[in-house]
Amino acid sequence: MSETTRLDDHADPRGYVINPFEHLQSTSLISNCHIFSIESGHFRGNHTHPGRNEEVIVLSGQLIIRMPDQDEEYTLSEADILKIDPGVSHIFSNEKDSTAVAICWSSRREEGYEGPDTVR
């Protein structure tokens, strides 16, 4: 089951500071970390990661994450984080007028999995 969390964003008049990994017991588990953007009216993803989970945190804008196989949908804004379990199909979309920016990473690999990382 996917899980959404609101991280403490340490906001003040200058902006905010977020540690996206503060909820992890160990940062040695992190792999495949990348930053992406999605322009208004576009989407990314529409794939699964059979051998690992994926976590995403929105840095700016808003993302809608759809999980069509589970009939689930999440709306994430700045500092919201979502954990997607291994093998769960997911699509990131931006339905707002501004660019959305997020960071994705994996914090857990399935032991013994030797197949492809991403399946479309």
C-alpha atoms as a PDB file:
ATOM      1  CA  MET A   1       0.000   0.000   0.000  1.00  0.00           C
ATOM      2  CA  SER A   2       1.286   3.466  -0.854  1.00  0.00           C
ATOM      3  CA  GLU A   3       1.733   5.993   1.882  1.00  0.00           C
ATOM      4  CA  THR A   4       1.783   9.798   1.836  1.00  0.00           C
ATOM      5  CA  THR A   5       3.552  11.922   4.467  1.00  0.00           C
ATOM      6  CA  ARG A   6       3.977  15.660   5.059  1.00  0.00           C
ATOM      7  CA  LEU A   7       7.598  16.428   5.954  1.00  0.00           C
ATOM      8  CA  ASP A   8       8.602  19.202   8.324  1.00  0.00           C
ATOM      9  CA  ASP A   9       9.641  21.900   5.858  1.00  0.00           C
ATOM     10  CA  HIS A  10      11.352  24.367   8.258  1.00  0.00           C
ATOM     11  CA  ALA A  11       9.731  27.332   6.495  1.00  0.00           C
ATOM     12  CA  ASP A  12      10.496  30.958   7.242  1.00  0.00           C
ATOM     13  CA  PRO A  13      10.343  34.209   5.224  1.00  0.00           C
ATOM     14  CA  ARG A  14      13.434  33.143   3.204  1.00  0.00           C
ATOM     15  CA  GLY A  15      11.804  29.929   1.946  1.00  0.00           C
ATOM     16  CA  TYR A  16      12.004  26.327   3.152  1.00  0.00           C
ATOM     17  CA  VAL A  17      14.533  23.578   3.848  1.00  0.00           C
ATOM     18  CA  ILE A  18      13.560  19.931   3.469  1.00  0.00           C
ATOM     19  CA  ASN A  19      15.499  16.776   4.284  1.00  0.00           C
ATOM     20  CA  PRO A  20      13.687  14.230   2.103  1.00  0.00           C
ATOM     21  CA  PHE A  21      15.501  11.349   3.803  1.00  0.00           C
ATOM     22  CA  GLU A  22      14.733  12.214   7.454  1.00  0.00           C
ATOM     23  CA  HIS A  23      12.124   9.441   7.672  1.00  0.00           C
ATOM     24  CA  LEU A  24      14.628   6.715   6.674  1.00  0.00           C
ATOM     25  CA  GLN A  25      16.567   4.725   9.243  1.00  0.00           C
ATOM     26  CA  SER A  26      19.629   4.693   6.982  1.00  0.00           C
ATOM     27  CA  THR A  27      20.583   6.690   3.919  1.00  0.00           C
ATOM     28  CA  SER A  28      22.738   3.780   2.747  1.00  0.00           C
ATOM     29  CA  LEU A  29      19.528   2.298   1.316  1.00  0.00           C
ATOM     30  CA  ILE A  30      19.041   5.156  -1.184  1.00  0.00           C
ATOM     31  CA  SER A  31      19.536   4.449  -4.874  1.00  0.00           C
ATOM     32  CA  ASN A  32      18.371   5.843  -8.221  1.00  0.00           C
ATOM     33  CA  CYS A  33      17.941   9.395  -6.906  1.00  0.00           C
ATOM     34  CA  HIS A  34      16.938  11.908  -9.577  1.00  0.00           C
ATOM     35  CA  ILE A  35      15.203  15.264  -9.973  1.00  0.00           C
ATOM     36  CA  PHE A  36      12.549  15.799 -12.628  1.00  0.00           C
ATOM     37  CA  SER A  37      10.161  18.456 -13.827  1.00  0.00           C
ATOM     38  CA  ILE A  38       6.814  18.209 -15.574  1.00  0.00           C
ATOM     39  CA  GLU A  39       5.398  21.082 -17.559  1.00  0.00           C
ATOM     40  CA  SER A  40       1.721  21.997 -17.331  1.00  0.00           C
ATOM     41  CA  GLY A  41      -0.552  19.490 -19.057  1.00  0.00           C
ATOM     42  CA  HIS A  42       2.090  16.736 -19.321  1.00  0.00           C
ATOM     43  CA  PHE A  43       2.883  13.445 -17.564  1.00  0.00           C
ATOM     44  CA  ARG A  44       5.808  11.126 -16.851  1.00  0.00           C
ATOM     45  CA  GLY A  45       6.045   7.559 -15.729  1.00  0.00           C
ATOM     46  CA  ASN A  46       3.378   5.044 -16.683  1.00  0.00           C
ATOM     47  CA  HIS A  47       5.691   2.265 -15.541  1.00  0.00           C
ATOM     48  CA  THR A  48       6.569   0.046 -12.578  1.00  0.00           C
ATOM     49  CA  HIS A  49       9.748  -0.819 -10.685  1.00  0.00           C
ATOM     50  CA  PRO A  50       9.341  -4.534  -9.940  1.00  0.00           C
ATOM     51  CA  GLY A  51      12.479  -4.839  -7.827  1.00  0.00           C
ATOM     52  CA  ARG A  52      12.397  -1.647  -5.745  1.00  0.00           C
ATOM     53  CA  ASN A  53      10.138   0.915  -4.184  1.00  0.00           C
ATOM     54  CA  GLU A  54      10.115   4.551  -5.294  1.00  0.00           C
ATOM     55  CA  GLU A  55       9.611   7.636  -3.175  1.00  0.00           C
ATOM     56  CA  VAL A  56       8.790  11.089  -4.532  1.00  0.00           C
ATOM     57  CA  ILE A  57       8.778  14.520  -2.888  1.00  0.00           C
ATOM     58  CA  VAL A  58       7.415  17.632  -4.597  1.00  0.00           C
ATOM     59  CA  LEU A  59       9.757  20.628  -4.459  1.00  0.00           C
ATOM     60  CA  SER A  60       7.499  23.065  -6.297  1.00  0.00           C
ATOM     61  CA  GLY A  61       4.121  23.005  -7.972  1.00  0.00           C
ATOM     62  CA  GLN A  62       1.692  20.123  -7.650  1.00  0.00           C
ATOM     63  CA  LEU A  63       1.703  16.531  -8.923  1.00  0.00           C
ATOM     64  CA  ILE A  64      -1.094  14.046  -9.289  1.00  0.00           C
ATOM     65  CA  ILE A  65       0.153  10.474  -8.963  1.00  0.00           C
ATOM     66  CA  ARG A  66      -2.195   7.871 -10.371  1.00  0.00           C
ATOM     67  CA  MET A  67      -1.850   4.154  -9.682  1.00  0.00           C
ATOM     68  CA  PRO A  68      -4.258   2.689 -12.240  1.00  0.00           C
ATOM     69  CA  ASP A  69      -3.846  -0.961 -11.198  1.00  0.00           C
ATOM     70  CA  GLN A  70      -4.858  -0.085  -7.635  1.00  0.00           C
ATOM     71  CA  ASP A  71      -7.441   2.554  -8.555  1.00  0.00           C
ATOM     72  CA  GLU A  72      -5.610   5.067  -6.321  1.00  0.00           C
ATOM     73  CA  GLU A  73      -4.771   8.749  -6.844  1.00  0.00           C
ATOM     74  CA  TYR A  74      -2.719  11.135  -4.715  1.00  0.00           C
ATOM     75  CA  THR A  75      -2.303  14.907  -5.030  1.00  0.00           C
ATOM     76  CA  LEU A  76       1.046  16.156  -3.739  1.00  0.00           C
ATOM     77  CA  SER A  77       2.178  19.741  -3.159  1.00  0.00           C
ATOM     78  CA  GLU A  78       5.452  21.185  -1.820  1.00  0.00           C
ATOM     79  CA  ALA A  79       7.029  19.040   0.938  1.00  0.00           C
ATOM     80  CA  ASP A  80       4.578  16.136   0.440  1.00  0.00           C
ATOM     81  CA  ILE A  81       6.230  12.751   0.035  1.00  0.00           C
ATOM     82  CA  LEU A  82       4.745   9.529  -1.347  1.00  0.00           C
ATOM     83  CA  LYS A  83       6.146   6.014  -1.078  1.00  0.00           C
ATOM     84  CA  ILE A  84       5.236   3.697  -3.972  1.00  0.00           C
ATOM     85  CA  ASP A  85       5.652  -0.021  -3.329  1.00  0.00           C
ATOM     86  CA  PRO A  86       7.590  -2.315  -5.688  1.00  0.00           C
ATOM     87  CA  GLY A  87       5.627  -3.389  -8.769  1.00  0.00           C
ATOM     88  CA  VAL A  88       2.960  -0.681  -8.465  1.00  0.00           C
ATOM     89  CA  SER A  89       2.211   1.048 -11.784  1.00  0.00           C
ATOM     90  CA  HIS A  90       2.366   4.847 -11.445  1.00  0.00           C
ATOM     91  CA  ILE A  91       1.879   7.961 -13.568  1.00  0.00           C
ATOM     92  CA  PHE A  92       2.969  11.480 -12.521  1.00  0.00           C
ATOM     93  CA  SER A  93       0.922  14.301 -14.069  1.00  0.00           C
ATOM     94  CA  ASN A  94       0.818  18.089 -13.807  1.00  0.00           C
ATOM     95  CA  GLU A  95      -2.616  19.632 -14.242  1.00  0.00           C
ATOM     96  CA  LYS A  96      -1.683  23.079 -12.891  1.00  0.00           C
ATOM     97  CA  ASP A  97      -0.488  26.121 -14.877  1.00  0.00           C
ATOM     98  CA  SER A  98       3.060  26.112 -13.462  1.00  0.00           C
ATOM     99  CA  THR A  99       5.968  23.678 -13.793  1.00  0.00           C
ATOM    100  CA  ALA A 100       6.128  20.938 -11.145  1.00  0.00           C
ATOM    101  CA  VAL A 101       9.532  19.845  -9.802  1.00  0.00           C
ATOM    102  CA  ALA A 102      10.169  16.731  -7.719  1.00  0.00           C
ATOM    103  CA  ILE A 103      12.885  14.366  -6.487  1.00  0.00           C
ATOM    104  CA  CYS A 104      12.503  10.578  -6.787  1.00  0.00           C
ATOM    105  CA  TRP A 105      14.624   7.887  -5.188  1.00  0.00           C
ATOM    106  CA  SER A 106      14.512   4.274  -4.178  1.00  0.00           C
ATOM    107  CA  SER A 107      15.056   3.369  -0.535  1.00  0.00           C
ATOM    108  CA  ARG A 108      14.470  -0.378  -0.681  1.00  0.00           C
ATOM    109  CA  ARG A 109      15.370  -3.124  -3.139  1.00  0.00           C
ATOM    110  CA  GLU A 110      13.690  -6.502  -3.275  1.00  0.00           C
ATOM    111  CA  GLU A 111      16.269  -9.062  -2.205  1.00  0.00           C
ATOM    112  CA  GLY A 112      17.191 -11.443  -4.988  1.00  0.00           C
ATOM    113  CA  TYR A 113      15.416  -9.492  -7.743  1.00  0.00           C
ATOM    114  CA  GLU A 114      17.541  -9.548 -10.911  1.00  0.00           C
ATOM    115  CA  GLY A 115      15.087  -8.325 -13.571  1.00  0.00           C
ATOM    116  CA  PRO A 116      14.807  -4.928 -15.250  1.00  0.00           C
ATOM    117  CA  ASP A 117      14.653  -1.828 -13.074  1.00  0.00           C
ATOM    118  CA  THR A 118      11.787  -0.162 -14.977  1.00  0.00           C
ATOM    119  CA  VAL A 119       8.960  -1.927 -16.827  1.00  0.00           C
ATOM    120  CA  ARG A 120       6.641   0.004 -19.137  1.00  0.00           C
END
